[in-house]
Amino acid sequence: MGEDDGDKLLPGEASSAHSGDADDARRWFETYDELCRLKQQILTDLESQKVRVPPEGDAEVKDDEAMLRDEYERLLERRNFWHAEFESRQGR
C-alpha cells in the first residue's frame, strides 16, 4: 500500500512520503503504532462492555465493531507501510 492508493492520510503525511527522510518515516510509524494501540484498546473495551447492551442493540454494536475493526486494519496497513519506509530509508 502506497501513499497514492486512495487511502485516507493524516495531515502532513503525503509530503513525508516524498521526503526520503528516515526521521519522517519513523515519526509516522510511531504515530500509526500509537493509533493502532488506541484502536485495539477501544476494541478490547467494546468486547467486554457489549454484554451490557440489551438484545435490541445488538445490531448497532455489531455495526460499530465492524467499523472499528475496519479502521484498525487500515491503521495497521499504514503502520506497516511506514515501517517498511523507515527500514528502506535507513540504508540511504
PDB file of N, CA and C in Angstrom:
ATOM      1  N   MET A   1       0.847  -1.178   0.000  1.00  0.00           N
ATOM      2  CA  MET A   1       0.000   0.000   0.000  1.00  0.00           C
ATOM      3  C   MET A   1       0.887   1.235   0.000  1.00  0.00           C
ATOM      4  N   GLY A   2       0.710   2.084  -0.959  1.00  0.00           N
ATOM      5  CA  GLY A   2       1.489   3.305  -1.041  1.00  0.00           C
ATOM      6  C   GLY A   2       0.694   4.504  -0.617  1.00  0.00           C
ATOM      7  N   GLU A   3       1.310   5.686  -0.773  1.00  0.00           N
ATOM      8  CA  GLU A   3       0.583   6.858  -0.365  1.00  0.00           C
ATOM      9  C   GLU A   3      -0.370   7.352  -1.434  1.00  0.00           C
ATOM     10  N   ASP A   4      -0.344   6.773  -2.612  1.00  0.00           N
ATOM     11  CA  ASP A   4      -1.234   7.211  -3.678  1.00  0.00           C
ATOM     12  C   ASP A   4      -2.344   6.208  -3.964  1.00  0.00           C
ATOM     13  N   ASP A   5      -2.658   5.341  -3.024  1.00  0.00           N
ATOM     14  CA  ASP A   5      -3.630   4.290  -3.282  1.00  0.00           C
ATOM     15  C   ASP A   5      -5.044   4.665  -2.872  1.00  0.00           C
ATOM     16  N   GLY A   6      -5.297   5.944  -2.615  1.00  0.00           N
ATOM     17  CA  GLY A   6      -6.626   6.371  -2.236  1.00  0.00           C
ATOM     18  C   GLY A   6      -6.902   6.216  -0.756  1.00  0.00           C
ATOM     19  N   ASP A   7      -5.917   5.815   0.009  1.00  0.00           N
ATOM     20  CA  ASP A   7      -6.078   5.652   1.436  1.00  0.00           C
ATOM     21  C   ASP A   7      -6.157   7.020   2.100  1.00  0.00           C
ATOM     22  N   LYS A   8      -6.912   7.095   3.180  1.00  0.00           N
ATOM     23  CA  LYS A   8      -7.017   8.322   3.953  1.00  0.00           C
ATOM     24  C   LYS A   8      -5.693   8.564   4.674  1.00  0.00           C
ATOM     25  N   LEU A   9      -5.088   9.709   4.414  1.00  0.00           N
ATOM     26  CA  LEU A   9      -3.816  10.049   5.030  1.00  0.00           C
ATOM     27  C   LEU A   9      -4.024  11.116   6.103  1.00  0.00           C
ATOM     28  N   LEU A  10      -3.131  11.148   7.063  1.00  0.00           N
ATOM     29  CA  LEU A  10      -3.164  12.175   8.089  1.00  0.00           C
ATOM     30  C   LEU A  10      -2.532  13.450   7.551  1.00  0.00           C
ATOM     31  N   PRO A  11      -2.893  14.612   8.115  1.00  0.00           N
ATOM     32  CA  PRO A  11      -2.301  15.867   7.638  1.00  0.00           C
ATOM     33  C   PRO A  11      -0.773  15.835   7.712  1.00  0.00           C
ATOM     34  N   GLY A  12      -0.129  16.185   6.609  1.00  0.00           N
ATOM     35  CA  GLY A  12       1.322  16.209   6.521  1.00  0.00           C
ATOM     36  C   GLY A  12       1.955  14.893   6.107  1.00  0.00           C
ATOM     37  N   GLU A  13       1.169  13.848   6.077  1.00  0.00           N
ATOM     38  CA  GLU A  13       1.718  12.526   5.779  1.00  0.00           C
ATOM     39  C   GLU A  13       2.183  12.397   4.322  1.00  0.00           C
ATOM     40  N   ALA A  14       1.432  12.945   3.401  1.00  0.00           N
ATOM     41  CA  ALA A  14       1.773  12.806   1.974  1.00  0.00           C
ATOM     42  C   ALA A  14       3.131  13.420   1.664  1.00  0.00           C
ATOM     43  N   SER A  15       3.403  14.588   2.218  1.00  0.00           N
ATOM     44  CA  SER A  15       4.696  15.222   1.933  1.00  0.00           C
ATOM     45  C   SER A  15       5.849  14.415   2.528  1.00  0.00           C
ATOM     46  N   SER A  16       5.622  13.754   3.658  1.00  0.00           N
ATOM     47  CA  SER A  16       6.660  12.919   4.263  1.00  0.00           C
ATOM     48  C   SER A  16       6.952  11.689   3.419  1.00  0.00           C
ATOM     49  N   ALA A  17       5.959  11.231   2.680  1.00  0.00           N
ATOM     50  CA  ALA A  17       6.161  10.057   1.835  1.00  0.00           C
ATOM     51  C   ALA A  17       7.147  10.363   0.713  1.00  0.00           C
ATOM     52  N   HIS A  18       7.259  11.627   0.359  1.00  0.00           N
ATOM     53  CA  HIS A  18       8.160  12.028  -0.722  1.00  0.00           C
ATOM     54  C   HIS A  18       9.489  12.572  -0.213  1.00  0.00           C
ATOM     55  N   SER A  19       9.636  12.741   1.090  1.00  0.00           N
ATOM     56  CA  SER A  19      10.828  13.403   1.619  1.00  0.00           C
ATOM     57  C   SER A  19      12.075  12.527   1.567  1.00  0.00           C
ATOM     58  N   GLY A  20      11.913  11.214   1.694  1.00  0.00           N
ATOM     59  CA  GLY A  20      13.062  10.326   1.746  1.00  0.00           C
ATOM     60  C   GLY A  20      13.782  10.335   3.082  1.00  0.00           C
ATOM     61  N   ASP A  21      13.264  11.085   4.032  1.00  0.00           N
ATOM     62  CA  ASP A  21      13.900  11.234   5.344  1.00  0.00           C
ATOM     63  C   ASP A  21      13.492  10.093   6.275  1.00  0.00           C
ATOM     64  N   ALA A  22      14.483   9.406   6.844  1.00  0.00           N
ATOM     65  CA  ALA A  22      14.203   8.295   7.761  1.00  0.00           C
ATOM     66  C   ALA A  22      13.482   8.776   9.019  1.00  0.00           C
ATOM     67  N   ASP A  23      13.806   9.990   9.484  1.00  0.00           N
ATOM     68  CA  ASP A  23      13.135  10.521  10.680  1.00  0.00           C
ATOM     69  C   ASP A  23      11.649  10.745  10.429  1.00  0.00           C
ATOM     70  N   ASP A  24      11.310  11.207   9.235  1.00  0.00           N
ATOM     71  CA  ASP A  24       9.890  11.359   8.882  1.00  0.00           C
ATOM     72  C   ASP A  24       9.186  10.009   8.925  1.00  0.00           C
ATOM     73  N   ALA A  25       9.813   9.008   8.330  1.00  0.00           N
ATOM     74  CA  ALA A  25       9.213   7.670   8.292  1.00  0.00           C
ATOM     75  C   ALA A  25       9.055   7.108   9.706  1.00  0.00           C
ATOM     76  N   ARG A  26      10.055   7.306  10.534  1.00  0.00           N
ATOM     77  CA  ARG A  26       9.971   6.820  11.923  1.00  0.00           C
ATOM     78  C   ARG A  26       8.839   7.515  12.671  1.00  0.00           C
ATOM     79  N   ARG A  27       8.716   8.828  12.471  1.00  0.00           N
ATOM     80  CA  ARG A  27       7.653   9.592  13.143  1.00  0.00           C
ATOM     81  C   ARG A  27       6.270   9.067  12.752  1.00  0.00           C
ATOM     82  N   TRP A  28       6.070   8.785  11.464  1.00  0.00           N
ATOM     83  CA  TRP A  28       4.773   8.285  11.017  1.00  0.00           C
ATOM     84  C   TRP A  28       4.538   6.860  11.488  1.00  0.00           C
ATOM     85  N   PHE A  29       5.585   6.053  11.485  1.00  0.00           N
ATOM     86  CA  PHE A  29       5.445   4.696  12.025  1.00  0.00           C
ATOM     87  C   PHE A  29       5.009   4.766  13.488  1.00  0.00           C
ATOM     88  N   GLU A  30       5.675   5.600  14.270  1.00  0.00           N
ATOM     89  CA  GLU A  30       5.328   5.734  15.686  1.00  0.00           C
ATOM     90  C   GLU A  30       3.916   6.277  15.875  1.00  0.00           C
ATOM     91  N   THR A  31       3.515   7.220  15.029  1.00  0.00           N
ATOM     92  CA  THR A  31       2.158   7.770  15.104  1.00  0.00           C
ATOM     93  C   THR A  31       1.131   6.675  14.850  1.00  0.00           C
ATOM     94  N   TYR A  32       1.318   5.919  13.778  1.00  0.00           N
ATOM     95  CA  TYR A  32       0.364   4.851  13.471  1.00  0.00           C
ATOM     96  C   TYR A  32       0.423   3.716  14.484  1.00  0.00           C
ATOM     97  N   ASP A  33       1.598   3.457  15.033  1.00  0.00           N
ATOM     98  CA  ASP A  33       1.706   2.436  16.064  1.00  0.00           C
ATOM     99  C   ASP A  33       0.853   2.809  17.272  1.00  0.00           C
ATOM    100  N   GLU A  34       0.930   4.062  17.671  1.00  0.00           N
ATOM    101  CA  GLU A  34       0.128   4.514  18.819  1.00  0.00           C
ATOM    102  C   GLU A  34      -1.365   4.498  18.481  1.00  0.00           C
ATOM    103  N   LEU A  35      -1.723   4.902  17.273  1.00  0.00           N
ATOM    104  CA  LEU A  35      -3.132   4.848  16.868  1.00  0.00           C
ATOM    105  C   LEU A  35      -3.648   3.411  16.870  1.00  0.00           C
ATOM    106  N   CYS A  36      -2.818   2.471  16.451  1.00  0.00           N
ATOM    107  CA  CYS A  36      -3.205   1.054  16.476  1.00  0.00           C
ATOM    108  C   CYS A  36      -3.444   0.579  17.908  1.00  0.00           C
ATOM    109  N   ARG A  37      -2.570   1.002  18.799  1.00  0.00           N
ATOM    110  CA  ARG A  37      -2.759   0.615  20.210  1.00  0.00           C
ATOM    111  C   ARG A  37      -4.058   1.171  20.765  1.00  0.00           C
ATOM    112  N   LEU A  38      -4.330   2.421  20.456  1.00  0.00           N
ATOM    113  CA  LEU A  38      -5.565   3.049  20.922  1.00  0.00           C
ATOM    114  C   LEU A  38      -6.785   2.314  20.379  1.00  0.00           C
ATOM    115  N   LYS A  39      -6.778   2.046  19.081  1.00  0.00           N
ATOM    116  CA  LYS A  39      -7.925   1.370  18.464  1.00  0.00           C
ATOM    117  C   LYS A  39      -8.099  -0.033  19.035  1.00  0.00           C
ATOM    118  N   GLN A  40      -6.987  -0.721  19.276  1.00  0.00           N
ATOM    119  CA  GLN A  40      -7.061  -2.062  19.867  1.00  0.00           C
ATOM    120  C   GLN A  40      -7.657  -1.992  21.271  1.00  0.00           C
ATOM    121  N   GLN A  41      -7.297  -0.974  22.031  1.00  0.00           N
ATOM    122  CA  GLN A  41      -7.865  -0.817  23.374  1.00  0.00           C
ATOM    123  C   GLN A  41      -9.365  -0.550  23.305  1.00  0.00           C
ATOM    124  N   ILE A  42      -9.782   0.242  22.364  1.00  0.00           N
ATOM    125  CA  ILE A  42     -11.213   0.517  22.184  1.00  0.00           C
ATOM    126  C   ILE A  42     -11.951  -0.777  21.840  1.00  0.00           C
ATOM    127  N   LEU A  43     -11.374  -1.581  20.952  1.00  0.00           N
ATOM    128  CA  LEU A  43     -11.994  -2.861  20.593  1.00  0.00           C
ATOM    129  C   LEU A  43     -12.054  -3.807  21.790  1.00  0.00           C
ATOM    130  N   THR A  44     -11.010  -3.817  22.589  1.00  0.00           N
ATOM    131  CA  THR A  44     -10.995  -4.660  23.786  1.00  0.00           C
ATOM    132  C   THR A  44     -12.072  -4.207  24.769  1.00  0.00           C
ATOM    133  N   ASP A  45     -12.190  -2.900  24.947  1.00  0.00           N
ATOM    134  CA  ASP A  45     -13.226  -2.365  25.833  1.00  0.00           C
ATOM    135  C   ASP A  45     -14.625  -2.679  25.306  1.00  0.00           C
ATOM    136  N   LEU A  46     -14.805  -2.549  23.998  1.00  0.00           N
ATOM    137  CA  LEU A  46     -16.101  -2.864  23.394  1.00  0.00           C
ATOM    138  C   LEU A  46     -16.463  -4.322  23.642  1.00  0.00           C
ATOM    139  N   GLU A  47     -15.498  -5.199  23.471  1.00  0.00           N
ATOM    140  CA  GLU A  47     -15.739  -6.628  23.668  1.00  0.00           C
ATOM    141  C   GLU A  47     -16.230  -6.906  25.090  1.00  0.00           C
ATOM    142  N   SER A  48     -15.622  -6.267  26.065  1.00  0.00           N
ATOM    143  CA  SER A  48     -16.016  -6.522  27.450  1.00  0.00           C
ATOM    144  C   SER A  48     -17.312  -5.827  27.836  1.00  0.00           C
ATOM    145  N   GLN A  49     -17.647  -4.751  27.157  1.00  0.00           N
ATOM    146  CA  GLN A  49     -18.836  -3.978  27.518  1.00  0.00           C
ATOM    147  C   GLN A  49     -20.091  -4.334  26.722  1.00  0.00           C
ATOM    148  N   LYS A  50     -19.929  -4.980  25.588  1.00  0.00           N
ATOM    149  CA  LYS A  50     -21.093  -5.215  24.732  1.00  0.00           C
ATOM    150  C   LYS A  50     -22.119  -6.153  25.363  1.00  0.00           C
ATOM    151  N   VAL A  51     -21.711  -6.939  26.342  1.00  0.00           N
ATOM    152  CA  VAL A  51     -22.664  -7.826  27.024  1.00  0.00           C
ATOM    153  C   VAL A  51     -23.697  -7.046  27.826  1.00  0.00           C
ATOM    154  N   ARG A  52     -23.411  -5.791  28.100  1.00  0.00           N
ATOM    155  CA  ARG A  52     -24.331  -4.947  28.866  1.00  0.00           C
ATOM    156  C   ARG A  52     -25.462  -4.380  28.014  1.00  0.00           C
ATOM    157  N   VAL A  53     -25.307  -4.448  26.703  1.00  0.00           N
ATOM    158  CA  VAL A  53     -26.307  -3.877  25.797  1.00  0.00           C
ATOM    159  C   VAL A  53     -27.471  -4.857  25.641  1.00  0.00           C
ATOM    160  N   PRO A  54     -28.700  -4.371  25.806  1.00  0.00           N
ATOM    161  CA  PRO A  54     -29.862  -5.248  25.601  1.00  0.00           C
ATOM    162  C   PRO A  54     -29.880  -5.804  24.171  1.00  0.00           C
ATOM    163  N   PRO A  55     -30.523  -6.940  23.985  1.00  0.00           N
ATOM    164  CA  PRO A  55     -30.562  -7.580  22.659  1.00  0.00           C
ATOM    165  C   PRO A  55     -31.015  -6.650  21.535  1.00  0.00           C
ATOM    166  N   GLU A  56     -31.859  -5.707  21.849  1.00  0.00           N
ATOM    167  CA  GLU A  56     -32.343  -4.775  20.821  1.00  0.00           C
ATOM    168  C   GLU A  56     -31.206  -3.938  20.228  1.00  0.00           C
ATOM    169  N   GLY A  57     -30.113  -3.813  20.950  1.00  0.00           N
ATOM    170  CA  GLY A  57     -28.994  -3.014  20.476  1.00  0.00           C
ATOM    171  C   GLY A  57     -27.891  -3.814  19.820  1.00  0.00           C
ATOM    172  N   ASP A  58     -28.095  -5.126  19.687  1.00  0.00           N
ATOM    173  CA  ASP A  58     -27.047  -5.992  19.121  1.00  0.00           C
ATOM    174  C   ASP A  58     -26.571  -5.538  17.738  1.00  0.00           C
ATOM    175  N   ALA A  59     -27.511  -5.190  16.875  1.00  0.00           N
ATOM    176  CA  ALA A  59     -27.141  -4.802  15.506  1.00  0.00           C
ATOM    177  C   ALA A  59     -26.270  -3.548  15.521  1.00  0.00           C
ATOM    178  N   GLU A  60     -26.596  -2.611  16.379  1.00  0.00           N
ATOM    179  CA  GLU A  60     -25.811  -1.378  16.473  1.00  0.00           C
ATOM    180  C   GLU A  60     -24.393  -1.673  16.959  1.00  0.00           C
ATOM    181  N   VAL A  61     -24.283  -2.522  17.951  1.00  0.00           N
ATOM    182  CA  VAL A  61     -22.962  -2.891  18.477  1.00  0.00           C
ATOM    183  C   VAL A  61     -22.152  -3.621  17.405  1.00  0.00           C
ATOM    184  N   LYS A  62     -22.783  -4.516  16.683  1.00  0.00           N
ATOM    185  CA  LYS A  62     -22.080  -5.243  15.619  1.00  0.00           C
ATOM    186  C   LYS A  62     -21.599  -4.290  14.530  1.00  0.00           C
ATOM    187  N   ASP A  63     -22.440  -3.310  14.174  1.00  0.00           N
ATOM    188  CA  ASP A  63     -22.034  -2.323  13.172  1.00  0.00           C
ATOM    189  C   ASP A  63     -20.828  -1.513  13.656  1.00  0.00           C
ATOM    190  N   ASP A  64     -20.892  -1.077  14.920  1.00  0.00           N
ATOM    191  CA  ASP A  64     -19.773  -0.316  15.490  1.00  0.00           C
ATOM    192  C   ASP A  64     -18.504  -1.154  15.514  1.00  0.00           C
ATOM    193  N   GLU A  65     -18.637  -2.400  15.911  1.00  0.00           N
ATOM    194  CA  GLU A  65     -17.476  -3.279  15.993  1.00  0.00           C
ATOM    195  C   GLU A  65     -16.859  -3.493  14.606  1.00  0.00           C
ATOM    196  N   ALA A  66     -17.692  -3.689  13.610  1.00  0.00           N
ATOM    197  CA  ALA A  66     -17.191  -3.881  12.240  1.00  0.00           C
ATOM    198  C   ALA A  66     -16.465  -2.630  11.753  1.00  0.00           C
ATOM    199  N   MET A  67     -17.029  -1.463  12.031  1.00  0.00           N
ATOM    200  CA  MET A  67     -16.407  -0.212  11.619  1.00  0.00           C
ATOM    201  C   MET A  67     -15.058  -0.039  12.319  1.00  0.00           C
ATOM    202  N   LEU A  68     -15.012  -0.312  13.610  1.00  0.00           N
ATOM    203  CA  LEU A  68     -13.767  -0.181  14.367  1.00  0.00           C
ATOM    204  C   LEU A  68     -12.715  -1.172  13.888  1.00  0.00           C
ATOM    205  N   ARG A  69     -13.122  -2.386  13.575  1.00  0.00           N
ATOM    206  CA  ARG A  69     -12.163  -3.377  13.064  1.00  0.00           C
ATOM    207  C   ARG A  69     -11.617  -2.964  11.695  1.00  0.00           C
ATOM    208  N   ASP A  70     -12.483  -2.439  10.848  1.00  0.00           N
ATOM    209  CA  ASP A  70     -12.020  -1.949   9.542  1.00  0.00           C
ATOM    210  C   ASP A  70     -11.013  -0.815   9.711  1.00  0.00           C
ATOM    211  N   GLU A  71     -11.309   0.093  10.623  1.00  0.00           N
ATOM    212  CA  GLU A  71     -10.407   1.208  10.878  1.00  0.00           C
ATOM    213  C   GLU A  71      -9.087   0.711  11.460  1.00  0.00           C
ATOM    214  N   TYR A  72      -9.142  -0.253  12.345  1.00  0.00           N
ATOM    215  CA  TYR A  72      -7.928  -0.836  12.917  1.00  0.00           C
ATOM    216  C   TYR A  72      -7.076  -1.464  11.817  1.00  0.00           C
ATOM    217  N   GLU A  73      -7.699  -2.186  10.915  1.00  0.00           N
ATOM    218  CA  GLU A  73      -6.969  -2.812   9.802  1.00  0.00           C
ATOM    219  C   GLU A  73      -6.332  -1.749   8.905  1.00  0.00           C
ATOM    220  N   ARG A  74      -7.037  -0.654   8.654  1.00  0.00           N
ATOM    221  CA  ARG A  74      -6.489   0.435   7.844  1.00  0.00           C
ATOM    222  C   ARG A  74      -5.256   1.023   8.531  1.00  0.00           C
ATOM    223  N   LEU A  75      -5.366   1.243   9.834  1.00  0.00           N
ATOM    224  CA  LEU A  75      -4.239   1.791  10.582  1.00  0.00           C
ATOM    225  C   LEU A  75      -3.047   0.838  10.581  1.00  0.00           C
ATOM    226  N   LEU A  76      -3.318  -0.461  10.705  1.00  0.00           N
ATOM    227  CA  LEU A  76      -2.239  -1.449  10.639  1.00  0.00           C
ATOM    228  C   LEU A  76      -1.518  -1.398   9.294  1.00  0.00           C
ATOM    229  N   GLU A  77      -2.279  -1.258   8.229  1.00  0.00           N
ATOM    230  CA  GLU A  77      -1.675  -1.179   6.899  1.00  0.00           C
ATOM    231  C   GLU A  77      -0.788   0.055   6.771  1.00  0.00           C
ATOM    232  N   ARG A  78      -1.251   1.201   7.293  1.00  0.00           N
ATOM    233  CA  ARG A  78      -0.448   2.418   7.249  1.00  0.00           C
ATOM    234  C   ARG A  78       0.807   2.250   8.115  1.00  0.00           C
ATOM    235  N   ARG A  79       0.658   1.630   9.294  1.00  0.00           N
ATOM    236  CA  ARG A  79       1.811   1.387  10.156  1.00  0.00           C
ATOM    237  C   ARG A  79       2.834   0.509   9.430  1.00  0.00           C
ATOM    238  N   ASN A  80       2.361  -0.531   8.778  1.00  0.00           N
ATOM    239  CA  ASN A  80       3.266  -1.418   8.033  1.00  0.00           C
ATOM    240  C   ASN A  80       3.959  -0.686   6.889  1.00  0.00           C
ATOM    241  N   PHE A  81       3.213   0.170   6.203  1.00  0.00           N
ATOM    242  CA  PHE A  81       3.805   0.976   5.128  1.00  0.00           C
ATOM    243  C   PHE A  81       4.950   1.815   5.669  1.00  0.00           C
ATOM    244  N   TRP A  82       4.714   2.520   6.777  1.00  0.00           N
ATOM    245  CA  TRP A  82       5.747   3.405   7.320  1.00  0.00           C
ATOM    246  C   TRP A  82       6.896   2.630   7.939  1.00  0.00           C
ATOM    247  N   HIS A  83       6.629   1.470   8.458  1.00  0.00           N
ATOM    248  CA  HIS A  83       7.722   0.645   8.968  1.00  0.00           C
ATOM    249  C   HIS A  83       8.655   0.247   7.821  1.00  0.00           C
ATOM    250  N   ALA A  84       8.056  -0.184   6.725  1.00  0.00           N
ATOM    251  CA  ALA A  84       8.850  -0.556   5.547  1.00  0.00           C
ATOM    252  C   ALA A  84       9.611   0.657   5.000  1.00  0.00           C
ATOM    253  N   GLU A  85       8.965   1.810   4.990  1.00  0.00           N
ATOM    254  CA  GLU A  85       9.641   3.034   4.540  1.00  0.00           C
ATOM    255  C   GLU A  85      10.823   3.358   5.443  1.00  0.00           C
ATOM    256  N   PHE A  86      10.628   3.263   6.741  1.00  0.00           N
ATOM    257  CA  PHE A  86      11.705   3.540   7.687  1.00  0.00           C
ATOM    258  C   PHE A  86      12.880   2.599   7.444  1.00  0.00           C
ATOM    259  N   GLU A  87      12.567   1.313   7.291  1.00  0.00           N
ATOM    260  CA  GLU A  87      13.635   0.323   7.053  1.00  0.00           C
ATOM    261  C   GLU A  87      14.402   0.642   5.765  1.00  0.00           C
ATOM    262  N   SER A  88      13.694   0.996   4.710  1.00  0.00           N
ATOM    263  CA  SER A  88      14.372   1.258   3.443  1.00  0.00           C
ATOM    264  C   SER A  88      15.148   2.584   3.468  1.00  0.00           C
ATOM    265  N   ARG A  89      14.668   3.557   4.216  1.00  0.00           N
ATOM    266  CA  ARG A  89      15.338   4.858   4.263  1.00  0.00           C
ATOM    267  C   ARG A  89      16.575   4.856   5.157  1.00  0.00           C
ATOM    268  N   GLN A  90      16.659   3.936   6.076  1.00  0.00           N
ATOM    269  CA  GLN A  90      17.819   3.892   6.959  1.00  0.00           C
ATOM    270  C   GLN A  90      19.101   3.607   6.195  1.00  0.00           C
ATOM    271  N   GLY A  91      18.990   2.861   5.118  1.00  0.00           N
ATOM    272  CA  GLY A  91      20.174   2.495   4.351  1.00  0.00           C
ATOM    273  C   GLY A  91      20.612   3.542   3.348  1.00  0.00           C
ATOM    274  N   ARG A  92      19.857   4.612   3.239  1.00  0.00           N
ATOM    275  CA  ARG A  92      20.184   5.644   2.225  1.00  0.00           C
ATOM    276  C   ARG A  92      21.247   6.586   2.719  1.00  0.00           C
TER     277      ARG A  92
END
